[in-house]
Amino acid sequence: MRRLSFYAIMIFLVYFLQTGVFTHLTLGGIVPNLFIICIVSIGIIRGKKDGCILGFFFGILTDALYASYFGFYALVLSVIGYLAGYVHQIFYEEDMTLPIVMIGIADILYGIIIYVFSFLTRGRMNFFIYLRKIIIPEMIYTLILAVFLYRLISWINKKIEIKGSEKRIDKKII
């Protein structure tokens, strides 16, 4: 129950930060992708299922406000969360390299998918301009915030795990 509450609070808080606060903190018109940070972090820490579910709910909220095709962002972010969950087995909690690299790869993948389905289908063929002016700067801005936000998510997850394990009974009753 604590984990579900944490996910619900995180979804709405990060959604508020992404759509409200960080729209006023743009650098060169670029906003960091807090959704990718949270989805990949939870996917790495908790696994494929949690990453996919969190990606779906972030995607539904994004679809409700921004998408011309409902379900597009839900599908894209769910797949990103699921793919991030593959790293869960080799994840070492104190190492920051793997989560940061995965967040960077996920942000680039997200940017390319958005370009292909939103711009390329409309006949805009200047991918390298989009890559240079939007995808790379967004990835850098996202990675700067990922260092801090990933630590916070990891710390909260540890606290939930510790509190949840105190109430669990692992003894076998004969």
N, C-alpha and C. Protein backbone atom coordinates (compact mmCIF):
# COMPACT_ATOMS: atom_id res chain seq x y z
N MET A 1 0.82 -1.19 0.00
CA MET A 1 0.00 0.00 0.00
C MET A 1 0.87 1.26 0.00
N ARG A 2 1.98 1.20 0.71
CA ARG A 2 2.88 2.35 0.74
C ARG A 2 3.47 2.63 -0.63
N ARG A 3 3.79 1.57 -1.34
CA ARG A 3 4.37 1.73 -2.67
C ARG A 3 3.35 2.35 -3.62
N LEU A 4 2.11 1.92 -3.55
CA LEU A 4 1.06 2.47 -4.39
C LEU A 4 0.84 3.95 -4.08
N SER A 5 0.85 4.28 -2.79
CA SER A 5 0.71 5.69 -2.40
C SER A 5 1.89 6.51 -2.91
N PHE A 6 3.09 5.95 -2.80
CA PHE A 6 4.27 6.64 -3.29
C PHE A 6 4.18 6.89 -4.80
N TYR A 7 3.74 5.88 -5.55
CA TYR A 7 3.61 6.03 -7.00
C TYR A 7 2.58 7.09 -7.35
N ALA A 8 1.44 7.09 -6.66
CA ALA A 8 0.40 8.07 -6.95
C ALA A 8 0.87 9.49 -6.65
N ILE A 9 1.52 9.67 -5.51
CA ILE A 9 2.04 10.99 -5.16
C ILE A 9 3.11 11.42 -6.15
N MET A 10 4.00 10.49 -6.52
CA MET A 10 5.06 10.81 -7.46
C MET A 10 4.50 11.20 -8.82
N ILE A 11 3.51 10.47 -9.30
CA ILE A 11 2.93 10.78 -10.61
C ILE A 11 2.36 12.19 -10.62
N PHE A 12 1.58 12.54 -9.65
CA PHE A 12 0.97 13.86 -9.65
C PHE A 12 1.96 14.98 -9.34
N LEU A 13 2.91 14.75 -8.45
CA LEU A 13 3.91 15.76 -8.14
C LEU A 13 4.82 16.02 -9.34
N VAL A 14 5.30 14.96 -9.96
CA VAL A 14 6.18 15.11 -11.12
C VAL A 14 5.42 15.70 -12.29
N TYR A 15 4.17 15.32 -12.46
CA TYR A 15 3.35 15.90 -13.53
C TYR A 15 3.18 17.40 -13.31
N PHE A 16 2.95 17.80 -12.07
CA PHE A 16 2.84 19.23 -11.76
C PHE A 16 4.16 19.95 -12.03
N LEU A 17 5.27 19.36 -11.61
CA LEU A 17 6.58 19.97 -11.86
C LEU A 17 6.87 20.07 -13.36
N GLN A 18 6.57 19.01 -14.10
CA GLN A 18 6.86 18.99 -15.53
C GLN A 18 6.02 20.01 -16.29
N THR A 19 4.75 20.08 -15.99
CA THR A 19 3.86 20.94 -16.77
C THR A 19 3.71 22.35 -16.19
N GLY A 20 4.03 22.51 -14.92
CA GLY A 20 3.84 23.82 -14.31
C GLY A 20 5.13 24.56 -14.03
N VAL A 21 5.98 23.96 -13.24
CA VAL A 21 7.18 24.65 -12.76
C VAL A 21 8.26 24.73 -13.85
N PHE A 22 8.59 23.58 -14.45
CA PHE A 22 9.71 23.56 -15.38
C PHE A 22 9.40 24.21 -16.73
N THR A 23 8.14 24.51 -17.00
CA THR A 23 7.85 25.27 -18.22
C THR A 23 8.33 26.71 -18.08
N HIS A 24 8.53 27.15 -16.85
CA HIS A 24 9.07 28.49 -16.60
C HIS A 24 10.58 28.46 -16.38
N LEU A 25 11.17 27.29 -16.30
CA LEU A 25 12.61 27.15 -16.10
C LEU A 25 13.28 26.55 -17.35
N THR A 26 12.86 27.00 -18.51
CA THR A 26 13.42 26.47 -19.74
C THR A 26 14.81 27.04 -19.98
N LEU A 27 15.64 26.25 -20.61
CA LEU A 27 16.95 26.70 -21.05
C LEU A 27 16.98 26.61 -22.57
N GLY A 28 16.89 27.75 -23.22
CA GLY A 28 16.87 27.76 -24.68
C GLY A 28 15.61 27.11 -25.23
N GLY A 29 14.52 27.19 -24.51
CA GLY A 29 13.27 26.60 -24.95
C GLY A 29 13.17 25.11 -24.67
N ILE A 30 14.13 24.55 -23.95
CA ILE A 30 14.15 23.12 -23.65
C ILE A 30 13.72 22.88 -22.21
N VAL A 31 12.85 21.89 -22.02
CA VAL A 31 12.37 21.50 -20.71
C VAL A 31 12.89 20.09 -20.42
N PRO A 32 13.39 19.81 -19.22
CA PRO A 32 13.85 18.45 -18.93
C PRO A 32 12.66 17.48 -18.89
N ASN A 33 12.94 16.23 -19.15
CA ASN A 33 11.89 15.22 -19.18
C ASN A 33 11.90 14.46 -17.85
N LEU A 34 11.16 14.98 -16.89
CA LEU A 34 11.10 14.36 -15.57
C LEU A 34 10.39 13.01 -15.62
N PHE A 35 9.48 12.84 -16.58
CA PHE A 35 8.78 11.57 -16.72
C PHE A 35 9.77 10.45 -17.01
N ILE A 36 10.68 10.69 -17.92
CA ILE A 36 11.68 9.67 -18.27
C ILE A 36 12.54 9.33 -17.06
N ILE A 37 12.92 10.35 -16.29
CA ILE A 37 13.75 10.10 -15.10
C ILE A 37 13.02 9.16 -14.14
N CYS A 38 11.76 9.46 -13.86
CA CYS A 38 10.99 8.64 -12.90
C CYS A 38 10.71 7.24 -13.43
N ILE A 39 10.33 7.16 -14.68
CA ILE A 39 9.98 5.85 -15.26
C ILE A 39 11.20 4.94 -15.30
N VAL A 40 12.31 5.45 -15.78
CA VAL A 40 13.52 4.63 -15.87
C VAL A 40 14.05 4.30 -14.48
N SER A 41 14.00 5.24 -13.56
CA SER A 41 14.47 4.97 -12.20
C SER A 41 13.67 3.86 -11.54
N ILE A 42 12.35 3.94 -11.63
CA ILE A 42 11.51 2.89 -11.04
C ILE A 42 11.70 1.59 -11.79
N GLY A 43 11.84 1.64 -13.10
CA GLY A 43 12.07 0.43 -13.87
C GLY A 43 13.35 -0.27 -13.45
N ILE A 44 14.40 0.50 -13.23
CA ILE A 44 15.68 -0.07 -12.83
C ILE A 44 15.61 -0.61 -11.39
N ILE A 45 15.01 0.17 -10.50
CA ILE A 45 14.96 -0.22 -9.09
C ILE A 45 13.99 -1.37 -8.84
N ARG A 46 12.79 -1.33 -9.43
CA ARG A 46 11.73 -2.27 -9.10
C ARG A 46 11.47 -3.34 -10.17
N GLY A 47 11.87 -3.10 -11.42
CA GLY A 47 11.67 -4.11 -12.45
C GLY A 47 10.74 -3.69 -13.56
N LYS A 48 10.53 -4.61 -14.52
CA LYS A 48 9.77 -4.34 -15.73
C LYS A 48 8.32 -3.94 -15.46
N LYS A 49 7.67 -4.67 -14.58
CA LYS A 49 6.25 -4.45 -14.33
C LYS A 49 5.98 -3.05 -13.78
N ASP A 50 6.73 -2.67 -12.76
CA ASP A 50 6.52 -1.35 -12.17
C ASP A 50 6.88 -0.23 -13.14
N GLY A 51 7.97 -0.39 -13.88
CA GLY A 51 8.35 0.61 -14.87
C GLY A 51 7.30 0.78 -15.95
N CYS A 52 6.75 -0.33 -16.40
CA CYS A 52 5.72 -0.30 -17.44
C CYS A 52 4.44 0.36 -16.93
N ILE A 53 4.02 0.01 -15.74
CA ILE A 53 2.80 0.58 -15.18
C ILE A 53 2.95 2.08 -14.94
N LEU A 54 4.08 2.48 -14.38
CA LEU A 54 4.32 3.89 -14.14
C LEU A 54 4.37 4.66 -15.46
N GLY A 55 5.04 4.08 -16.46
CA GLY A 55 5.08 4.70 -17.78
C GLY A 55 3.70 4.86 -18.39
N PHE A 56 2.85 3.86 -18.18
CA PHE A 56 1.49 3.94 -18.70
C PHE A 56 0.73 5.11 -18.09
N PHE A 57 0.81 5.27 -16.78
CA PHE A 57 0.06 6.35 -16.13
C PHE A 57 0.63 7.73 -16.47
N PHE A 58 1.95 7.85 -16.56
CA PHE A 58 2.52 9.12 -17.02
C PHE A 58 2.07 9.40 -18.46
N GLY A 59 2.03 8.36 -19.27
CA GLY A 59 1.62 8.52 -20.66
C GLY A 59 0.17 8.92 -20.80
N ILE A 60 -0.70 8.33 -19.97
CA ILE A 60 -2.12 8.70 -20.01
C ILE A 60 -2.31 10.16 -19.65
N LEU A 61 -1.60 10.63 -18.63
CA LEU A 61 -1.70 12.05 -18.27
C LEU A 61 -1.20 12.95 -19.39
N THR A 62 -0.12 12.55 -20.04
CA THR A 62 0.41 13.32 -21.16
C THR A 62 -0.56 13.30 -22.34
N ASP A 63 -1.12 12.14 -22.62
CA ASP A 63 -2.09 12.02 -23.71
C ASP A 63 -3.31 12.90 -23.47
N ALA A 64 -3.74 12.99 -22.23
CA ALA A 64 -4.94 13.76 -21.91
C ALA A 64 -4.78 15.24 -22.24
N LEU A 65 -3.57 15.76 -22.14
CA LEU A 65 -3.39 17.19 -22.38
C LEU A 65 -2.74 17.54 -23.72
N TYR A 66 -1.80 16.71 -24.20
CA TYR A 66 -0.99 17.13 -25.33
C TYR A 66 -1.18 16.34 -26.62
N ALA A 67 -1.60 15.12 -26.54
CA ALA A 67 -1.55 14.25 -27.71
C ALA A 67 -2.75 14.45 -28.62
N SER A 68 -2.48 14.35 -29.92
CA SER A 68 -3.58 14.37 -30.87
C SER A 68 -4.15 12.97 -31.05
N TYR A 69 -3.35 11.95 -30.72
CA TYR A 69 -3.80 10.56 -30.76
C TYR A 69 -3.73 10.01 -29.34
N PHE A 70 -4.89 9.73 -28.75
CA PHE A 70 -4.91 9.26 -27.37
C PHE A 70 -4.32 7.86 -27.28
N GLY A 71 -3.36 7.68 -26.38
CA GLY A 71 -2.72 6.39 -26.17
C GLY A 71 -1.31 6.32 -26.70
N PHE A 72 -0.92 7.29 -27.52
CA PHE A 72 0.42 7.27 -28.12
C PHE A 72 1.50 7.38 -27.05
N TYR A 73 1.42 8.39 -26.21
CA TYR A 73 2.43 8.57 -25.16
C TYR A 73 2.36 7.46 -24.12
N ALA A 74 1.16 6.96 -23.84
CA ALA A 74 1.03 5.85 -22.90
C ALA A 74 1.79 4.63 -23.41
N LEU A 75 1.67 4.36 -24.69
CA LEU A 75 2.37 3.22 -25.28
C LEU A 75 3.89 3.44 -25.26
N VAL A 76 4.33 4.60 -25.68
CA VAL A 76 5.77 4.90 -25.75
C VAL A 76 6.40 4.84 -24.36
N LEU A 77 5.79 5.49 -23.39
CA LEU A 77 6.38 5.52 -22.05
C LEU A 77 6.28 4.16 -21.35
N SER A 78 5.24 3.39 -21.65
CA SER A 78 5.15 2.03 -21.10
C SER A 78 6.27 1.15 -21.62
N VAL A 79 6.54 1.25 -22.91
CA VAL A 79 7.62 0.45 -23.50
C VAL A 79 8.97 0.87 -22.93
N ILE A 80 9.19 2.16 -22.75
CA ILE A 80 10.45 2.64 -22.17
C ILE A 80 10.60 2.12 -20.74
N GLY A 81 9.53 2.16 -19.95
CA GLY A 81 9.58 1.63 -18.58
C GLY A 81 9.84 0.14 -18.55
N TYR A 82 9.23 -0.59 -19.48
CA TYR A 82 9.44 -2.03 -19.56
C TYR A 82 10.88 -2.36 -19.94
N LEU A 83 11.41 -1.63 -20.93
CA LEU A 83 12.79 -1.87 -21.35
C LEU A 83 13.78 -1.52 -20.24
N ALA A 84 13.49 -0.47 -19.48
CA ALA A 84 14.37 -0.11 -18.37
C ALA A 84 14.38 -1.19 -17.30
N GLY A 85 13.29 -1.91 -17.17
CA GLY A 85 13.20 -2.98 -16.18
C GLY A 85 14.10 -4.16 -16.46
N TYR A 86 14.57 -4.30 -17.69
CA TYR A 86 15.49 -5.39 -18.02
C TYR A 86 16.81 -5.26 -17.26
N VAL A 87 17.16 -4.06 -16.87
CA VAL A 87 18.43 -3.81 -16.19
C VAL A 87 18.33 -4.14 -14.71
N HIS A 88 17.13 -4.36 -14.22
CA HIS A 88 16.91 -4.61 -12.79
C HIS A 88 17.78 -5.76 -12.26
N GLN A 89 17.99 -6.79 -13.04
CA GLN A 89 18.76 -7.96 -12.59
C GLN A 89 20.24 -7.65 -12.36
N ILE A 90 20.81 -6.72 -13.13
CA ILE A 90 22.24 -6.40 -12.99
C ILE A 90 22.47 -5.09 -12.26
N PHE A 91 21.43 -4.57 -11.66
CA PHE A 91 21.48 -3.27 -11.01
C PHE A 91 22.18 -3.35 -9.66
N TYR A 92 23.10 -2.43 -9.44
CA TYR A 92 23.80 -2.30 -8.17
C TYR A 92 23.44 -0.92 -7.62
N GLU A 93 22.77 -0.87 -6.49
CA GLU A 93 22.09 0.33 -6.02
C GLU A 93 23.01 1.54 -5.79
N GLU A 94 24.22 1.33 -5.35
CA GLU A 94 25.10 2.45 -5.05
C GLU A 94 25.76 3.05 -6.29
N ASP A 95 25.73 2.35 -7.41
CA ASP A 95 26.37 2.82 -8.63
C ASP A 95 25.42 3.75 -9.38
N MET A 96 25.86 4.96 -9.64
CA MET A 96 25.04 5.94 -10.36
C MET A 96 25.23 5.86 -11.87
N THR A 97 26.25 5.16 -12.33
CA THR A 97 26.56 5.16 -13.76
C THR A 97 25.44 4.51 -14.57
N LEU A 98 25.02 3.34 -14.19
CA LEU A 98 24.00 2.62 -14.96
C LEU A 98 22.68 3.39 -15.05
N PRO A 99 22.13 3.90 -13.96
CA PRO A 99 20.87 4.66 -14.08
C PRO A 99 21.01 5.90 -14.95
N ILE A 100 22.12 6.62 -14.82
CA ILE A 100 22.30 7.83 -15.61
C ILE A 100 22.42 7.49 -17.10
N VAL A 101 23.17 6.45 -17.42
CA VAL A 101 23.31 6.03 -18.82
C VAL A 101 21.95 5.58 -19.36
N MET A 102 21.21 4.82 -18.57
CA MET A 102 19.89 4.34 -19.02
C MET A 102 18.91 5.50 -19.21
N ILE A 103 18.96 6.49 -18.34
CA ILE A 103 18.08 7.66 -18.50
C ILE A 103 18.45 8.42 -19.76
N GLY A 104 19.75 8.57 -20.03
CA GLY A 104 20.18 9.23 -21.26
C GLY A 104 19.74 8.48 -22.51
N ILE A 105 19.91 7.18 -22.52
CA ILE A 105 19.49 6.36 -23.67
C ILE A 105 17.97 6.43 -23.85
N ALA A 106 17.24 6.35 -22.75
CA ALA A 106 15.77 6.41 -22.82
C ALA A 106 15.30 7.77 -23.35
N ASP A 107 15.96 8.85 -22.94
CA ASP A 107 15.57 10.17 -23.41
C ASP A 107 15.84 10.33 -24.90
N ILE A 108 16.97 9.82 -25.36
CA ILE A 108 17.26 9.87 -26.80
C ILE A 108 16.26 9.02 -27.57
N LEU A 109 15.97 7.83 -27.07
CA LEU A 109 14.99 6.94 -27.72
C LEU A 109 13.62 7.62 -27.77
N TYR A 110 13.23 8.24 -26.68
CA TYR A 110 11.95 8.95 -26.63
C TYR A 110 11.92 10.07 -27.67
N GLY A 111 12.99 10.86 -27.75
CA GLY A 111 13.06 11.95 -28.71
C GLY A 111 12.98 11.45 -30.15
N ILE A 112 13.65 10.35 -30.45
CA ILE A 112 13.62 9.79 -31.80
C ILE A 112 12.23 9.26 -32.14
N ILE A 113 11.59 8.59 -31.19
CA ILE A 113 10.23 8.08 -31.43
C ILE A 113 9.26 9.23 -31.68
N ILE A 114 9.37 10.28 -30.89
CA ILE A 114 8.50 11.44 -31.08
C ILE A 114 8.76 12.07 -32.44
N TYR A 115 10.02 12.17 -32.83
CA TYR A 115 10.34 12.73 -34.14
C TYR A 115 9.73 11.89 -35.26
N VAL A 116 9.94 10.59 -35.20
CA VAL A 116 9.47 9.71 -36.28
C VAL A 116 7.95 9.77 -36.42
N PHE A 117 7.23 9.70 -35.30
CA PHE A 117 5.77 9.64 -35.40
C PHE A 117 5.08 10.99 -35.40
N SER A 118 5.78 12.05 -34.99
CA SER A 118 5.13 13.37 -34.98
C SER A 118 5.61 14.28 -36.11
N PHE A 119 6.88 14.19 -36.48
CA PHE A 119 7.40 15.11 -37.48
C PHE A 119 7.66 14.45 -38.82
N LEU A 120 8.25 13.28 -38.79
CA LEU A 120 8.58 12.59 -40.04
C LEU A 120 7.32 12.22 -40.82
N THR A 121 6.28 11.86 -40.11
CA THR A 121 5.03 11.51 -40.80
C THR A 121 4.37 12.72 -41.45
N ARG A 122 4.76 13.92 -41.05
CA ARG A 122 4.24 15.14 -41.67
C ARG A 122 5.15 15.67 -42.77
N GLY A 123 6.21 14.93 -43.08
CA GLY A 123 7.09 15.32 -44.17
C GLY A 123 8.26 16.19 -43.77
N ARG A 124 8.49 16.39 -42.50
CA ARG A 124 9.65 17.18 -42.05
C ARG A 124 10.85 16.26 -41.96
N MET A 125 11.80 16.46 -42.86
CA MET A 125 12.91 15.51 -43.00
C MET A 125 14.22 15.97 -42.35
N ASN A 126 14.23 17.05 -41.63
CA ASN A 126 15.47 17.59 -41.06
C ASN A 126 15.73 17.00 -39.67
N PHE A 127 16.07 15.72 -39.63
CA PHE A 127 16.30 15.00 -38.38
C PHE A 127 17.51 15.54 -37.63
N PHE A 128 18.60 15.84 -38.32
CA PHE A 128 19.82 16.27 -37.64
C PHE A 128 19.65 17.63 -36.98
N ILE A 129 18.82 18.48 -37.53
CA ILE A 129 18.52 19.76 -36.88
C ILE A 129 17.72 19.50 -35.60
N TYR A 130 16.73 18.61 -35.69
CA TYR A 130 15.93 18.24 -34.52
C TYR A 130 16.81 17.58 -33.46
N LEU A 131 17.72 16.73 -33.89
CA LEU A 131 18.64 16.07 -32.96
C LEU A 131 19.53 17.09 -32.26
N ARG A 132 20.10 18.02 -33.01
CA ARG A 132 21.03 19.00 -32.47
C ARG A 132 20.34 20.06 -31.61
N LYS A 133 19.14 20.48 -32.00
CA LYS A 133 18.48 21.59 -31.31
C LYS A 133 17.52 21.15 -30.20
N ILE A 134 17.02 19.91 -30.26
CA ILE A 134 16.03 19.50 -29.26
C ILE A 134 16.46 18.25 -28.49
N ILE A 135 16.79 17.17 -29.18
CA ILE A 135 17.03 15.90 -28.49
C ILE A 135 18.27 15.97 -27.59
N ILE A 136 19.38 16.40 -28.11
CA ILE A 136 20.63 16.44 -27.31
C ILE A 136 20.54 17.44 -26.16
N PRO A 137 20.09 18.70 -26.38
CA PRO A 137 19.98 19.61 -25.22
C PRO A 137 19.00 19.12 -24.16
N GLU A 138 17.88 18.51 -24.59
CA GLU A 138 16.93 17.98 -23.61
C GLU A 138 17.57 16.84 -22.81
N MET A 139 18.34 16.01 -23.48
CA MET A 139 19.00 14.90 -22.79
C MET A 139 19.99 15.44 -21.74
N ILE A 140 20.75 16.45 -22.09
CA ILE A 140 21.72 17.01 -21.15
C ILE A 140 21.00 17.63 -19.93
N TYR A 141 19.96 18.40 -20.18
CA TYR A 141 19.18 19.01 -19.10
C TYR A 141 18.54 17.93 -18.22
N THR A 142 18.02 16.89 -18.85
CA THR A 142 17.41 15.79 -18.12
C THR A 142 18.44 15.06 -17.26
N LEU A 143 19.62 14.82 -17.81
CA LEU A 143 20.66 14.10 -17.06
C LEU A 143 21.16 14.90 -15.86
N ILE A 144 21.21 16.21 -15.98
CA ILE A 144 21.63 17.04 -14.84
C ILE A 144 20.64 16.88 -13.69
N LEU A 145 19.36 16.92 -14.00
CA LEU A 145 18.35 16.74 -12.96
C LEU A 145 18.24 15.29 -12.50
N ALA A 146 18.59 14.36 -13.37
CA ALA A 146 18.49 12.93 -13.04
C ALA A 146 19.40 12.55 -11.89
N VAL A 147 20.55 13.19 -11.79
CA VAL A 147 21.49 12.89 -10.70
C VAL A 147 20.81 13.11 -9.35
N PHE A 148 20.06 14.18 -9.22
CA PHE A 148 19.42 14.50 -7.95
C PHE A 148 18.10 13.73 -7.78
N LEU A 149 17.30 13.68 -8.81
CA LEU A 149 15.99 13.04 -8.70
C LEU A 149 16.12 11.53 -8.54
N TYR A 150 17.09 10.91 -9.20
CA TYR A 150 17.29 9.47 -9.04
C TYR A 150 17.66 9.13 -7.60
N ARG A 151 18.54 9.92 -7.00
CA ARG A 151 18.93 9.69 -5.60
C ARG A 151 17.72 9.79 -4.68
N LEU A 152 16.86 10.77 -4.92
CA LEU A 152 15.66 10.94 -4.11
C LEU A 152 14.72 9.74 -4.25
N ILE A 153 14.49 9.29 -5.47
CA ILE A 153 13.61 8.14 -5.71
C ILE A 153 14.20 6.89 -5.07
N SER A 154 15.50 6.71 -5.20
CA SER A 154 16.17 5.55 -4.61
C SER A 154 16.07 5.57 -3.09
N TRP A 155 16.25 6.73 -2.48
CA TRP A 155 16.17 6.87 -1.04
C TRP A 155 14.76 6.57 -0.53
N ILE A 156 13.75 7.10 -1.22
CA ILE A 156 12.36 6.85 -0.83
C ILE A 156 12.04 5.36 -0.98
N ASN A 157 12.52 4.74 -2.05
CA ASN A 157 12.29 3.31 -2.25
C ASN A 157 12.91 2.48 -1.12
N LYS A 158 14.10 2.86 -0.66
CA LYS A 158 14.73 2.15 0.47
C LYS A 158 13.88 2.27 1.72
N LYS A 159 13.37 3.46 1.97
CA LYS A 159 12.54 3.68 3.16
C LYS A 159 11.27 2.84 3.09
N ILE A 160 10.67 2.74 1.92
CA ILE A 160 9.46 1.92 1.76
C ILE A 160 9.80 0.45 1.96
N GLU A 161 10.93 0.00 1.44
CA GLU A 161 11.35 -1.40 1.60
C GLU A 161 11.59 -1.73 3.07
N ILE A 162 12.25 -0.84 3.78
CA ILE A 162 12.56 -1.09 5.20
C ILE A 162 11.27 -1.13 6.01
N LYS A 163 10.37 -0.17 5.79
CA LYS A 163 9.11 -0.16 6.52
C LYS A 163 8.26 -1.37 6.19
N GLY A 164 8.26 -1.79 4.94
CA GLY A 164 7.46 -2.95 4.54
C GLY A 164 8.02 -4.25 5.09
N SER A 165 9.33 -4.34 5.26
CA SER A 165 9.93 -5.59 5.76
C SER A 165 9.76 -5.75 7.26
N GLU A 166 9.49 -4.66 7.99
CA GLU A 166 9.29 -4.79 9.43
C GLU A 166 8.00 -5.51 9.76
N LYS A 167 7.00 -5.40 8.90
CA LYS A 167 5.70 -6.01 9.17
C LYS A 167 5.57 -7.40 8.59
N ARG A 168 6.50 -7.81 7.77
CA ARG A 168 6.41 -9.11 7.11
C ARG A 168 6.84 -10.22 8.05
N ILE A 169 6.16 -11.33 7.98
CA ILE A 169 6.52 -12.52 8.77
C ILE A 169 7.05 -13.54 7.80
N ASP A 170 8.33 -13.86 7.93
CA ASP A 170 8.97 -14.78 7.02
C ASP A 170 9.15 -16.17 7.63
N LYS A 171 8.63 -16.38 8.80
CA LYS A 171 8.79 -17.68 9.44
C LYS A 171 7.77 -18.67 8.90
N LYS A 172 8.21 -19.87 8.74
CA LYS A 172 7.34 -20.93 8.25
C LYS A 172 6.62 -21.57 9.43
N ILE A 173 5.32 -21.63 9.32
CA ILE A 173 4.54 -22.24 10.38
C ILE A 173 4.24 -23.67 9.98
N ILE A 174 4.52 -24.60 10.87
CA ILE A 174 4.31 -26.03 10.57
C ILE A 174 2.99 -26.47 11.10
